[in-house]
Amino acid sequence: MKLLISLFLALSCLISISSADGLKCTLKPADIPSTWIDMVDPCVKVMENQVKIEIEAAMTYLAMGAHFARDSVNRPGFVKLFIEAASEEREHAVKVIEYLLMRGQLTSDVSKLLKFPLRPIREDWGNGVEALSEALNLETQVTKSIQEIIRICETPKTSSFNDYHLVDYLTGDFLDEQYKGQRDLAGKISTLGKMMSTHGPLGEFLFDKKLLNGEL
């Protein structure tokens, strides 16, 4: 049955080839009712902007990983931490895109979400405490952005529509992870700061080994 459907679609494409424009499949788009699409415009816009915020956070974490991977720095534990953080932020961006698609948005051009060039916040850090503090500030900004989306989508100024599904999704999936991540970074900053105040650069070296071995 699947083979017959595939052959039918291929035949439809061949029939619709235009000699002037080259090989093109011009199947007529399906006539889908739009009544099921109910996201209000302010909510859509802040969700689209969240994709950019998540990607910029991912790029900053990649820059952190690259910094600590330099031969002059050589902190593989920090590299592991920040590369994993970059992957998580990228996954968050994908989840936002998938949610918008589920709600009937972004059906024409997903590329409009990102305007290049995108750059990390910075590319050099003096030590581990400085980088972890930057990471905590970054996560706090992302959290505030998600909180703002919740406020806008719960009570949009231009509509009485309460997008309770999106609010619940962001509160349960995103904010829970954000708060846990912020607490984890705050704890790491505290531990590393104490180790460095007691042992100096050796403290950061030992902390890095614990990161690499998954002990922190």
N, C-alpha and C. Protein backbone atom coordinates (compact mmCIF):
# COMPACT_ATOMS: atom_id res chain seq x y z
N MET A 1 0.83 -1.20 0.00
CA MET A 1 0.00 0.00 0.00
C MET A 1 0.87 1.26 0.00
N LYS A 2 1.90 1.29 0.85
CA LYS A 2 2.81 2.44 0.92
C LYS A 2 3.50 2.65 -0.42
N LEU A 3 3.85 1.53 -1.09
CA LEU A 3 4.53 1.63 -2.37
C LEU A 3 3.61 2.27 -3.41
N LEU A 4 2.33 1.90 -3.39
CA LEU A 4 1.37 2.45 -4.35
C LEU A 4 1.19 3.95 -4.14
N ILE A 5 1.14 4.36 -2.86
CA ILE A 5 0.99 5.79 -2.54
C ILE A 5 2.21 6.57 -3.04
N SER A 6 3.42 6.01 -2.80
CA SER A 6 4.65 6.66 -3.24
C SER A 6 4.68 6.82 -4.75
N LEU A 7 4.26 5.76 -5.48
CA LEU A 7 4.23 5.81 -6.93
C LEU A 7 3.23 6.84 -7.43
N PHE A 8 2.10 6.93 -6.73
CA PHE A 8 1.07 7.90 -7.12
C PHE A 8 1.58 9.33 -6.97
N LEU A 9 2.26 9.62 -5.84
CA LEU A 9 2.80 10.95 -5.61
C LEU A 9 3.89 11.29 -6.63
N ALA A 10 4.74 10.31 -6.93
CA ALA A 10 5.80 10.54 -7.91
C ALA A 10 5.20 10.84 -9.28
N LEU A 11 4.13 10.10 -9.65
CA LEU A 11 3.47 10.33 -10.92
C LEU A 11 2.84 11.71 -10.97
N SER A 12 2.27 12.13 -9.84
CA SER A 12 1.65 13.47 -9.77
C SER A 12 2.68 14.55 -10.01
N CYS A 13 3.88 14.36 -9.43
CA CYS A 13 4.95 15.33 -9.61
C CYS A 13 5.38 15.40 -11.08
N LEU A 14 5.50 14.22 -11.72
CA LEU A 14 5.96 14.19 -13.10
C LEU A 14 4.96 14.87 -14.03
N ILE A 15 3.68 14.70 -13.74
CA ILE A 15 2.65 15.31 -14.57
C ILE A 15 2.70 16.82 -14.49
N SER A 16 3.10 17.34 -13.30
CA SER A 16 3.07 18.78 -13.07
C SER A 16 4.37 19.48 -13.40
N ILE A 17 5.32 18.80 -14.04
CA ILE A 17 6.60 19.41 -14.40
C ILE A 17 6.39 20.53 -15.41
N SER A 18 7.02 21.66 -15.16
CA SER A 18 6.96 22.79 -16.08
C SER A 18 8.27 22.88 -16.85
N SER A 19 8.20 22.86 -18.16
CA SER A 19 9.41 22.90 -18.97
C SER A 19 10.13 24.23 -18.84
N ALA A 20 9.44 25.31 -18.51
CA ALA A 20 10.06 26.64 -18.40
C ALA A 20 10.85 26.78 -17.12
N ASP A 21 10.36 26.22 -16.06
CA ASP A 21 10.99 26.40 -14.75
C ASP A 21 11.87 25.24 -14.34
N GLY A 22 11.97 24.21 -15.16
CA GLY A 22 12.78 23.08 -14.78
C GLY A 22 11.95 22.05 -14.04
N LEU A 23 12.61 21.17 -13.29
CA LEU A 23 11.91 20.11 -12.58
C LEU A 23 11.31 20.65 -11.29
N LYS A 24 10.00 20.70 -11.22
CA LYS A 24 9.32 21.17 -10.02
C LYS A 24 8.08 20.33 -9.78
N CYS A 25 7.83 20.04 -8.53
CA CYS A 25 6.62 19.34 -8.14
C CYS A 25 5.63 20.38 -7.63
N THR A 26 4.56 20.59 -8.35
CA THR A 26 3.62 21.67 -8.00
C THR A 26 2.29 21.10 -7.53
N LEU A 27 2.36 20.22 -6.55
CA LEU A 27 1.14 19.68 -5.98
C LEU A 27 0.35 20.80 -5.31
N LYS A 28 -0.93 20.80 -5.49
CA LYS A 28 -1.79 21.80 -4.89
C LYS A 28 -1.79 21.63 -3.38
N PRO A 29 -1.54 22.70 -2.62
CA PRO A 29 -1.54 22.56 -1.16
C PRO A 29 -2.91 22.16 -0.64
N ALA A 30 -2.89 21.40 0.44
CA ALA A 30 -4.14 20.93 1.03
C ALA A 30 -4.92 22.10 1.62
N ASP A 31 -6.22 22.03 1.53
CA ASP A 31 -7.10 23.07 2.07
C ASP A 31 -7.45 22.70 3.51
N ILE A 32 -6.60 23.16 4.44
CA ILE A 32 -6.77 22.80 5.85
C ILE A 32 -7.45 23.95 6.59
N PRO A 33 -8.52 23.66 7.33
CA PRO A 33 -9.17 24.72 8.11
C PRO A 33 -8.21 25.33 9.13
N SER A 34 -8.33 26.62 9.37
CA SER A 34 -7.42 27.31 10.30
C SER A 34 -8.05 27.60 11.64
N THR A 35 -9.25 27.10 11.87
CA THR A 35 -9.95 27.39 13.12
C THR A 35 -9.26 26.79 14.34
N TRP A 36 -8.43 25.75 14.12
CA TRP A 36 -7.76 25.11 15.24
C TRP A 36 -6.54 25.89 15.72
N ILE A 37 -6.06 26.85 14.92
CA ILE A 37 -4.90 27.66 15.29
C ILE A 37 -5.37 28.82 16.17
N ASP A 38 -4.99 28.79 17.44
CA ASP A 38 -5.54 29.77 18.38
C ASP A 38 -4.50 30.56 19.17
N MET A 39 -3.21 30.42 18.85
CA MET A 39 -2.20 31.22 19.55
C MET A 39 -2.33 32.68 19.13
N VAL A 40 -2.29 33.58 20.10
CA VAL A 40 -2.40 35.01 19.78
C VAL A 40 -1.03 35.54 19.37
N ASP A 41 -1.03 36.59 18.58
CA ASP A 41 0.19 37.10 17.97
C ASP A 41 1.28 37.49 18.99
N PRO A 42 0.96 38.22 20.09
CA PRO A 42 2.02 38.56 21.05
C PRO A 42 2.71 37.33 21.63
N CYS A 43 1.94 36.28 21.85
CA CYS A 43 2.49 35.05 22.41
C CYS A 43 3.40 34.36 21.40
N VAL A 44 2.99 34.36 20.13
CA VAL A 44 3.80 33.76 19.08
C VAL A 44 5.14 34.48 18.97
N LYS A 45 5.11 35.80 19.00
CA LYS A 45 6.33 36.58 18.83
C LYS A 45 7.34 36.33 19.95
N VAL A 46 6.89 36.28 21.21
CA VAL A 46 7.84 36.05 22.31
C VAL A 46 8.37 34.62 22.28
N MET A 47 7.57 33.68 21.81
CA MET A 47 8.06 32.30 21.67
C MET A 47 9.10 32.22 20.56
N GLU A 48 8.87 32.92 19.47
CA GLU A 48 9.86 32.94 18.39
C GLU A 48 11.16 33.57 18.87
N ASN A 49 11.06 34.63 19.67
CA ASN A 49 12.26 35.28 20.20
C ASN A 49 13.01 34.37 21.15
N GLN A 50 12.29 33.48 21.84
CA GLN A 50 12.93 32.56 22.78
C GLN A 50 13.88 31.61 22.06
N VAL A 51 13.57 31.27 20.82
CA VAL A 51 14.48 30.42 20.04
C VAL A 51 15.84 31.11 19.90
N LYS A 52 15.83 32.38 19.57
CA LYS A 52 17.07 33.15 19.43
C LYS A 52 17.83 33.19 20.75
N ILE A 53 17.11 33.40 21.85
CA ILE A 53 17.75 33.47 23.17
C ILE A 53 18.42 32.15 23.51
N GLU A 54 17.75 31.05 23.24
CA GLU A 54 18.32 29.72 23.54
C GLU A 54 19.55 29.44 22.68
N ILE A 55 19.50 29.82 21.40
CA ILE A 55 20.64 29.59 20.51
C ILE A 55 21.83 30.44 20.92
N GLU A 56 21.60 31.68 21.31
CA GLU A 56 22.69 32.54 21.76
C GLU A 56 23.31 32.00 23.05
N ALA A 57 22.49 31.44 23.93
CA ALA A 57 23.02 30.82 25.15
C ALA A 57 23.87 29.61 24.78
N ALA A 58 23.41 28.82 23.82
CA ALA A 58 24.18 27.65 23.37
C ALA A 58 25.53 28.08 22.80
N MET A 59 25.55 29.15 22.03
CA MET A 59 26.79 29.63 21.44
C MET A 59 27.76 30.14 22.51
N THR A 60 27.21 30.78 23.56
CA THR A 60 28.06 31.25 24.65
C THR A 60 28.68 30.08 25.39
N TYR A 61 27.90 29.03 25.62
CA TYR A 61 28.45 27.85 26.28
C TYR A 61 29.50 27.16 25.40
N LEU A 62 29.28 27.16 24.09
CA LEU A 62 30.30 26.61 23.19
C LEU A 62 31.59 27.43 23.28
N ALA A 63 31.44 28.75 23.38
CA ALA A 63 32.63 29.61 23.52
C ALA A 63 33.35 29.31 24.83
N MET A 64 32.59 29.06 25.90
CA MET A 64 33.21 28.68 27.18
C MET A 64 33.96 27.37 27.05
N GLY A 65 33.33 26.40 26.39
CA GLY A 65 33.99 25.12 26.20
C GLY A 65 35.27 25.26 25.40
N ALA A 66 35.23 26.08 24.35
CA ALA A 66 36.41 26.30 23.52
C ALA A 66 37.52 26.99 24.31
N HIS A 67 37.13 27.94 25.17
CA HIS A 67 38.13 28.65 25.98
C HIS A 67 38.88 27.69 26.89
N PHE A 68 38.15 26.84 27.59
CA PHE A 68 38.81 25.93 28.54
C PHE A 68 39.48 24.75 27.85
N ALA A 69 39.21 24.57 26.55
CA ALA A 69 39.88 23.51 25.79
C ALA A 69 41.22 23.96 25.23
N ARG A 70 41.52 25.27 25.31
CA ARG A 70 42.80 25.75 24.80
C ARG A 70 43.97 25.08 25.53
N ASP A 71 45.05 24.90 24.81
CA ASP A 71 46.21 24.25 25.43
C ASP A 71 46.79 25.10 26.56
N SER A 72 46.56 26.42 26.51
CA SER A 72 47.08 27.30 27.55
C SER A 72 46.20 27.30 28.79
N VAL A 73 45.00 26.73 28.69
CA VAL A 73 44.09 26.65 29.84
C VAL A 73 43.95 25.20 30.29
N ASN A 74 43.53 24.34 29.37
CA ASN A 74 43.50 22.88 29.57
C ASN A 74 42.73 22.45 30.82
N ARG A 75 41.42 22.69 30.79
CA ARG A 75 40.55 22.27 31.89
C ARG A 75 39.44 21.39 31.29
N PRO A 76 39.72 20.10 31.08
CA PRO A 76 38.76 19.22 30.39
C PRO A 76 37.44 19.06 31.13
N GLY A 77 37.45 19.19 32.44
CA GLY A 77 36.21 19.09 33.20
C GLY A 77 35.27 20.23 32.88
N PHE A 78 35.81 21.44 32.79
CA PHE A 78 35.00 22.60 32.42
C PHE A 78 34.52 22.48 30.97
N VAL A 79 35.39 21.94 30.10
CA VAL A 79 35.00 21.72 28.71
C VAL A 79 33.77 20.82 28.66
N LYS A 80 33.81 19.72 29.38
CA LYS A 80 32.69 18.77 29.41
C LYS A 80 31.42 19.45 29.91
N LEU A 81 31.53 20.20 31.00
CA LEU A 81 30.38 20.89 31.59
C LEU A 81 29.72 21.84 30.60
N PHE A 82 30.53 22.68 29.95
CA PHE A 82 29.96 23.72 29.11
C PHE A 82 29.49 23.19 27.75
N ILE A 83 30.15 22.17 27.21
CA ILE A 83 29.68 21.57 25.96
C ILE A 83 28.33 20.89 26.17
N GLU A 84 28.18 20.22 27.31
CA GLU A 84 26.89 19.60 27.64
C GLU A 84 25.82 20.67 27.82
N ALA A 85 26.18 21.79 28.44
CA ALA A 85 25.23 22.89 28.62
C ALA A 85 24.80 23.46 27.27
N ALA A 86 25.75 23.55 26.33
CA ALA A 86 25.43 24.04 24.98
C ALA A 86 24.42 23.13 24.30
N SER A 87 24.59 21.82 24.46
CA SER A 87 23.67 20.86 23.86
C SER A 87 22.27 21.00 24.46
N GLU A 88 22.20 21.24 25.76
CA GLU A 88 20.91 21.41 26.42
C GLU A 88 20.19 22.65 25.90
N GLU A 89 20.92 23.75 25.72
CA GLU A 89 20.28 24.97 25.22
C GLU A 89 19.80 24.79 23.79
N ARG A 90 20.57 24.07 22.98
CA ARG A 90 20.14 23.79 21.62
C ARG A 90 18.87 22.95 21.63
N GLU A 91 18.81 21.97 22.52
CA GLU A 91 17.62 21.13 22.63
C GLU A 91 16.41 21.96 23.06
N HIS A 92 16.63 22.96 23.92
CA HIS A 92 15.54 23.83 24.33
C HIS A 92 14.99 24.62 23.14
N ALA A 93 15.89 25.10 22.29
CA ALA A 93 15.47 25.82 21.09
C ALA A 93 14.63 24.92 20.19
N VAL A 94 15.05 23.68 20.04
CA VAL A 94 14.31 22.72 19.21
C VAL A 94 12.94 22.46 19.81
N LYS A 95 12.86 22.35 21.14
CA LYS A 95 11.57 22.11 21.80
C LYS A 95 10.62 23.27 21.57
N VAL A 96 11.12 24.50 21.60
CA VAL A 96 10.27 25.66 21.35
C VAL A 96 9.75 25.63 19.91
N ILE A 97 10.64 25.31 18.96
CA ILE A 97 10.23 25.21 17.56
C ILE A 97 9.18 24.12 17.38
N GLU A 98 9.41 22.96 17.99
CA GLU A 98 8.47 21.85 17.88
C GLU A 98 7.11 22.22 18.47
N TYR A 99 7.13 22.98 19.57
CA TYR A 99 5.86 23.39 20.18
C TYR A 99 5.09 24.33 19.25
N LEU A 100 5.79 25.30 18.67
CA LEU A 100 5.15 26.23 17.76
C LEU A 100 4.57 25.50 16.55
N LEU A 101 5.30 24.54 16.03
CA LEU A 101 4.80 23.75 14.91
C LEU A 101 3.56 22.95 15.31
N MET A 102 3.57 22.42 16.51
CA MET A 102 2.41 21.66 17.00
C MET A 102 1.16 22.54 17.07
N ARG A 103 1.38 23.84 17.36
CA ARG A 103 0.25 24.77 17.48
C ARG A 103 -0.09 25.46 16.16
N GLY A 104 0.51 25.00 15.07
CA GLY A 104 0.17 25.53 13.75
C GLY A 104 0.95 26.75 13.32
N GLN A 105 2.07 27.01 13.99
CA GLN A 105 2.91 28.15 13.64
C GLN A 105 4.15 27.68 12.88
N LEU A 106 4.88 28.64 12.27
CA LEU A 106 6.15 28.38 11.57
C LEU A 106 6.00 27.39 10.43
N THR A 107 4.87 27.44 9.73
CA THR A 107 4.65 26.48 8.66
C THR A 107 5.30 26.89 7.34
N SER A 108 5.84 28.12 7.27
CA SER A 108 6.41 28.58 6.00
C SER A 108 7.93 28.70 6.02
N ASP A 109 8.49 29.36 7.02
CA ASP A 109 9.93 29.64 7.00
C ASP A 109 10.49 29.68 8.42
N VAL A 110 11.03 28.56 8.88
CA VAL A 110 11.60 28.48 10.22
C VAL A 110 12.87 29.33 10.32
N SER A 111 13.56 29.54 9.19
CA SER A 111 14.82 30.28 9.20
C SER A 111 14.65 31.73 9.64
N LYS A 112 13.43 32.26 9.59
CA LYS A 112 13.21 33.65 9.99
C LYS A 112 13.44 33.86 11.49
N LEU A 113 13.51 32.77 12.24
CA LEU A 113 13.70 32.89 13.69
C LEU A 113 15.09 33.38 14.05
N LEU A 114 16.07 33.13 13.19
CA LEU A 114 17.45 33.47 13.51
C LEU A 114 17.99 34.48 12.52
N LYS A 115 18.58 35.54 13.05
CA LYS A 115 19.21 36.55 12.21
C LYS A 115 20.72 36.48 12.43
N PHE A 116 21.44 36.17 11.39
CA PHE A 116 22.89 36.01 11.49
C PHE A 116 23.59 37.34 11.20
N PRO A 117 24.80 37.57 11.75
CA PRO A 117 25.54 36.61 12.56
C PRO A 117 25.08 36.60 14.03
N LEU A 118 25.04 35.41 14.60
CA LEU A 118 24.78 35.25 16.03
C LEU A 118 26.12 35.09 16.73
N ARG A 119 26.28 35.75 17.85
CA ARG A 119 27.57 35.72 18.56
C ARG A 119 27.37 35.39 20.03
N PRO A 120 28.37 34.74 20.64
CA PRO A 120 28.31 34.52 22.09
C PRO A 120 28.48 35.85 22.83
N ILE A 121 28.12 35.86 24.10
CA ILE A 121 28.22 37.06 24.90
C ILE A 121 29.67 37.52 24.99
N ARG A 122 30.58 36.59 25.19
CA ARG A 122 32.02 36.87 25.22
C ARG A 122 32.77 35.59 24.90
N GLU A 123 34.10 35.66 24.81
CA GLU A 123 34.88 34.50 24.38
C GLU A 123 36.06 34.19 25.29
N ASP A 124 36.29 35.01 26.31
CA ASP A 124 37.42 34.76 27.22
C ASP A 124 36.96 34.94 28.66
N TRP A 125 37.51 34.08 29.56
CA TRP A 125 37.20 34.16 30.97
C TRP A 125 38.48 33.99 31.77
N GLY A 126 38.59 34.75 32.86
CA GLY A 126 39.83 34.73 33.63
C GLY A 126 40.07 33.45 34.39
N ASN A 127 38.99 32.85 34.90
CA ASN A 127 39.13 31.60 35.66
C ASN A 127 37.78 30.89 35.71
N GLY A 128 37.76 29.76 36.41
CA GLY A 128 36.54 28.96 36.47
C GLY A 128 35.39 29.65 37.18
N VAL A 129 35.69 30.35 38.26
CA VAL A 129 34.64 31.06 39.01
C VAL A 129 33.97 32.10 38.13
N GLU A 130 34.78 32.81 37.37
CA GLU A 130 34.26 33.85 36.48
C GLU A 130 33.34 33.24 35.42
N ALA A 131 33.74 32.10 34.86
CA ALA A 131 32.93 31.44 33.83
C ALA A 131 31.64 30.89 34.41
N LEU A 132 31.72 30.27 35.59
CA LEU A 132 30.52 29.74 36.23
C LEU A 132 29.56 30.86 36.62
N SER A 133 30.10 31.97 37.06
CA SER A 133 29.25 33.12 37.41
C SER A 133 28.56 33.67 36.16
N GLU A 134 29.29 33.71 35.05
CA GLU A 134 28.70 34.14 33.78
C GLU A 134 27.59 33.18 33.37
N ALA A 135 27.82 31.88 33.57
CA ALA A 135 26.81 30.88 33.22
C ALA A 135 25.56 31.06 34.08
N LEU A 136 25.73 31.35 35.36
CA LEU A 136 24.59 31.55 36.24
C LEU A 136 23.80 32.79 35.83
N ASN A 137 24.50 33.86 35.48
CA ASN A 137 23.83 35.07 34.99
C ASN A 137 23.07 34.78 33.69
N LEU A 138 23.67 33.98 32.84
CA LEU A 138 23.03 33.62 31.57
C LEU A 138 21.75 32.83 31.80
N GLU A 139 21.82 31.86 32.71
CA GLU A 139 20.64 31.06 33.01
C GLU A 139 19.55 31.91 33.66
N THR A 140 19.95 32.88 34.47
CA THR A 140 18.97 33.78 35.09
C THR A 140 18.25 34.60 34.04
N GLN A 141 18.97 35.06 33.03
CA GLN A 141 18.36 35.82 31.94
C GLN A 141 17.37 34.95 31.15
N VAL A 142 17.76 33.70 30.91
CA VAL A 142 16.87 32.79 30.19
C VAL A 142 15.61 32.54 31.01
N THR A 143 15.77 32.36 32.32
CA THR A 143 14.62 32.15 33.21
C THR A 143 13.68 33.34 33.17
N LYS A 144 14.22 34.54 33.25
CA LYS A 144 13.39 35.75 33.21
C LYS A 144 12.65 35.85 31.88
N SER A 145 13.30 35.45 30.81
CA SER A 145 12.66 35.47 29.50
C SER A 145 11.47 34.51 29.46
N ILE A 146 11.64 33.33 30.03
CA ILE A 146 10.54 32.35 30.08
C ILE A 146 9.41 32.87 30.95
N GLN A 147 9.75 33.49 32.07
CA GLN A 147 8.74 34.07 32.94
C GLN A 147 7.94 35.15 32.22
N GLU A 148 8.62 35.93 31.39
CA GLU A 148 7.94 36.97 30.62
C GLU A 148 6.98 36.36 29.59
N ILE A 149 7.39 35.26 28.98
CA ILE A 149 6.50 34.56 28.04
C ILE A 149 5.24 34.11 28.77
N ILE A 150 5.41 33.57 29.95
CA ILE A 150 4.26 33.10 30.74
C ILE A 150 3.31 34.25 31.04
N ARG A 151 3.85 35.39 31.42
CA ARG A 151 3.01 36.56 31.72
C ARG A 151 2.23 37.01 30.49
N ILE A 152 2.93 37.07 29.35
CA ILE A 152 2.29 37.54 28.12
C ILE A 152 1.23 36.56 27.63
N CYS A 153 1.52 35.28 27.69
CA CYS A 153 0.60 34.28 27.15
C CYS A 153 -0.56 33.97 28.09
N GLU A 154 -0.38 34.24 29.36
CA GLU A 154 -1.46 34.00 30.32
C GLU A 154 -2.51 35.10 30.24
N THR A 155 -2.06 36.35 30.10
CA THR A 155 -2.99 37.48 30.01
C THR A 155 -2.51 38.47 28.95
N PRO A 156 -2.62 38.11 27.67
CA PRO A 156 -2.18 39.03 26.61
C PRO A 156 -3.02 40.31 26.60
N LYS A 157 -2.38 41.44 26.32
CA LYS A 157 -3.05 42.74 26.37
C LYS A 157 -4.07 42.91 25.25
N THR A 158 -3.83 42.25 24.12
CA THR A 158 -4.70 42.44 22.96
C THR A 158 -5.78 41.38 22.84
N SER A 159 -5.87 40.48 23.81
CA SER A 159 -6.85 39.39 23.73
C SER A 159 -7.19 38.90 25.13
N SER A 160 -8.35 38.26 25.24
CA SER A 160 -8.77 37.67 26.52
C SER A 160 -8.40 36.20 26.60
N PHE A 161 -7.68 35.72 25.56
CA PHE A 161 -7.34 34.30 25.49
C PHE A 161 -6.23 33.96 26.48
N ASN A 162 -6.49 33.03 27.37
CA ASN A 162 -5.49 32.53 28.31
C ASN A 162 -4.92 31.23 27.76
N ASP A 163 -3.66 31.27 27.34
CA ASP A 163 -3.03 30.08 26.75
C ASP A 163 -2.51 29.18 27.87
N TYR A 164 -3.45 28.56 28.57
CA TYR A 164 -3.10 27.77 29.75
C TYR A 164 -2.23 26.57 29.42
N HIS A 165 -2.38 26.02 28.22
CA HIS A 165 -1.56 24.86 27.85
C HIS A 165 -0.09 25.24 27.75
N LEU A 166 0.20 26.33 27.06
CA LEU A 166 1.59 26.78 26.92
C LEU A 166 2.16 27.20 28.27
N VAL A 167 1.37 27.90 29.07
CA VAL A 167 1.82 28.32 30.40
C VAL A 167 2.19 27.11 31.24
N ASP A 168 1.34 26.09 31.21
CA ASP A 168 1.62 24.86 31.98
C ASP A 168 2.85 24.16 31.45
N TYR A 169 3.01 24.14 30.12
CA TYR A 169 4.17 23.49 29.51
C TYR A 169 5.47 24.17 29.92
N LEU A 170 5.50 25.49 29.84
CA LEU A 170 6.70 26.23 30.20
C LEU A 170 6.99 26.14 31.69
N THR A 171 5.95 26.20 32.51
CA THR A 171 6.14 26.13 33.96
C THR A 171 6.67 24.78 34.39
N GLY A 172 6.09 23.72 33.83
CA GLY A 172 6.48 22.38 34.25
C GLY A 172 7.78 21.90 33.65
N ASP A 173 7.98 22.12 32.35
CA ASP A 173 9.15 21.57 31.67
C ASP A 173 10.36 22.49 31.73
N PHE A 174 10.16 23.75 31.45
CA PHE A 174 11.28 24.68 31.32
C PHE A 174 11.71 25.28 32.66
N LEU A 175 10.76 25.85 33.40
CA LEU A 175 11.14 26.54 34.64
C LEU A 175 11.71 25.58 35.67
N ASP A 176 11.15 24.39 35.76
CA ASP A 176 11.67 23.41 36.72
C ASP A 176 13.14 23.11 36.44
N GLU A 177 13.48 22.91 35.17
CA GLU A 177 14.87 22.66 34.80
C GLU A 177 15.75 23.88 35.02
N GLN A 178 15.20 25.07 34.75
CA GLN A 178 15.96 26.30 34.95
C GLN A 178 16.34 26.49 36.42
N TYR A 179 15.38 26.33 37.30
CA TYR A 179 15.64 26.55 38.72
C TYR A 179 16.64 25.54 39.28
N LYS A 180 16.52 24.29 38.84
CA LYS A 180 17.48 23.27 39.29
C LYS A 180 18.87 23.57 38.76
N GLY A 181 18.95 24.02 37.51
CA GLY A 181 20.24 24.36 36.92
C GLY A 181 20.91 25.54 37.61
N GLN A 182 20.09 26.55 37.96
CA GLN A 182 20.63 27.72 38.65
C GLN A 182 21.18 27.34 40.02
N ARG A 183 20.44 26.51 40.73
CA ARG A 183 20.91 26.08 42.05
C ARG A 183 22.21 25.27 41.93
N ASP A 184 22.30 24.43 40.90
CA ASP A 184 23.50 23.63 40.69
C ASP A 184 24.71 24.52 40.41
N LEU A 185 24.54 25.54 39.57
CA LEU A 185 25.64 26.45 39.26
C LEU A 185 26.05 27.25 40.49
N ALA A 186 25.07 27.70 41.26
CA ALA A 186 25.38 28.46 42.48
C ALA A 186 26.21 27.61 43.44
N GLY A 187 25.85 26.33 43.56
CA GLY A 187 26.62 25.42 44.41
C GLY A 187 28.03 25.21 43.90
N LYS A 188 28.19 25.09 42.60
CA LYS A 188 29.52 24.91 42.02
C LYS A 188 30.38 26.15 42.24
N ILE A 189 29.79 27.33 42.10
CA ILE A 189 30.54 28.57 42.34
C ILE A 189 31.01 28.62 43.79
N SER A 190 30.14 28.23 44.70
CA SER A 190 30.51 28.24 46.13
C SER A 190 31.65 27.27 46.41
N THR A 191 31.52 26.06 45.88
CA THR A 191 32.56 25.04 46.12
C THR A 191 33.89 25.45 45.52
N LEU A 192 33.88 25.89 44.26
CA LEU A 192 35.12 26.28 43.60
C LEU A 192 35.75 27.49 44.29
N GLY A 193 34.93 28.44 44.69
CA GLY A 193 35.46 29.63 45.36
C GLY A 193 36.19 29.26 46.65
N LYS A 194 35.63 28.35 47.42
CA LYS A 194 36.26 27.91 48.67
C LYS A 194 37.55 27.15 48.39
N MET A 195 37.53 26.30 47.35
CA MET A 195 38.73 25.53 47.02
C MET A 195 39.85 26.44 46.55
N MET A 196 39.53 27.48 45.79
CA MET A 196 40.55 28.39 45.31
C MET A 196 41.06 29.31 46.41
N SER A 197 40.19 29.68 47.35
CA SER A 197 40.64 30.53 48.44
C SER A 197 41.58 29.77 49.38
N THR A 198 41.44 28.46 49.41
CA THR A 198 42.29 27.64 50.28
C THR A 198 43.54 27.15 49.55
N HIS A 199 43.39 26.75 48.29
CA HIS A 199 44.50 26.13 47.56
C HIS A 199 44.97 26.92 46.35
N GLY A 200 44.34 28.04 46.04
CA GLY A 200 44.75 28.84 44.89
C GLY A 200 44.47 28.11 43.58
N PRO A 201 45.33 28.26 42.56
CA PRO A 201 45.12 27.60 41.27
C PRO A 201 44.99 26.08 41.37
N LEU A 202 45.63 25.50 42.40
CA LEU A 202 45.50 24.05 42.58
C LEU A 202 44.05 23.66 42.88
N GLY A 203 43.33 24.56 43.55
CA GLY A 203 41.93 24.30 43.85
C GLY A 203 41.10 24.17 42.59
N GLU A 204 41.37 25.03 41.61
CA GLU A 204 40.64 24.95 40.34
C GLU A 204 41.00 23.66 39.60
N PHE A 205 42.27 23.28 39.66
CA PHE A 205 42.73 22.04 39.02
C PHE A 205 41.99 20.83 39.61
N LEU A 206 41.89 20.77 40.93
CA LEU A 206 41.21 19.65 41.59
C LEU A 206 39.71 19.67 41.28
N PHE A 207 39.12 20.87 41.25
CA PHE A 207 37.71 21.01 40.93
C PHE A 207 37.44 20.52 39.52
N ASP A 208 38.33 20.84 38.60
CA ASP A 208 38.18 20.41 37.21
C ASP A 208 38.20 18.89 37.11
N LYS A 209 39.07 18.25 37.89
CA LYS A 209 39.13 16.78 37.86
C LYS A 209 37.84 16.18 38.36
N LYS A 210 37.24 16.79 39.37
CA LYS A 210 35.96 16.29 39.89
C LYS A 210 34.85 16.48 38.85
N LEU A 211 34.87 17.59 38.13
CA LEU A 211 33.90 17.80 37.06
C LEU A 211 34.04 16.72 35.99
N LEU A 212 35.27 16.45 35.61
CA LEU A 212 35.54 15.48 34.56
C LEU A 212 35.08 14.08 34.95
N ASN A 213 35.20 13.75 36.23
CA ASN A 213 34.83 12.42 36.73
C ASN A 213 33.35 12.35 37.16
N GLY A 214 32.61 13.44 36.97
CA GLY A 214 31.20 13.45 37.35
C GLY A 214 30.94 13.45 38.83
N GLU A 215 31.89 13.96 39.62
CA GLU A 215 31.75 13.98 41.07
C GLU A 215 31.12 15.26 41.60
N LEU A 216 30.81 16.19 40.70
CA LEU A 216 30.18 17.46 41.12
C LEU A 216 28.92 17.70 40.29
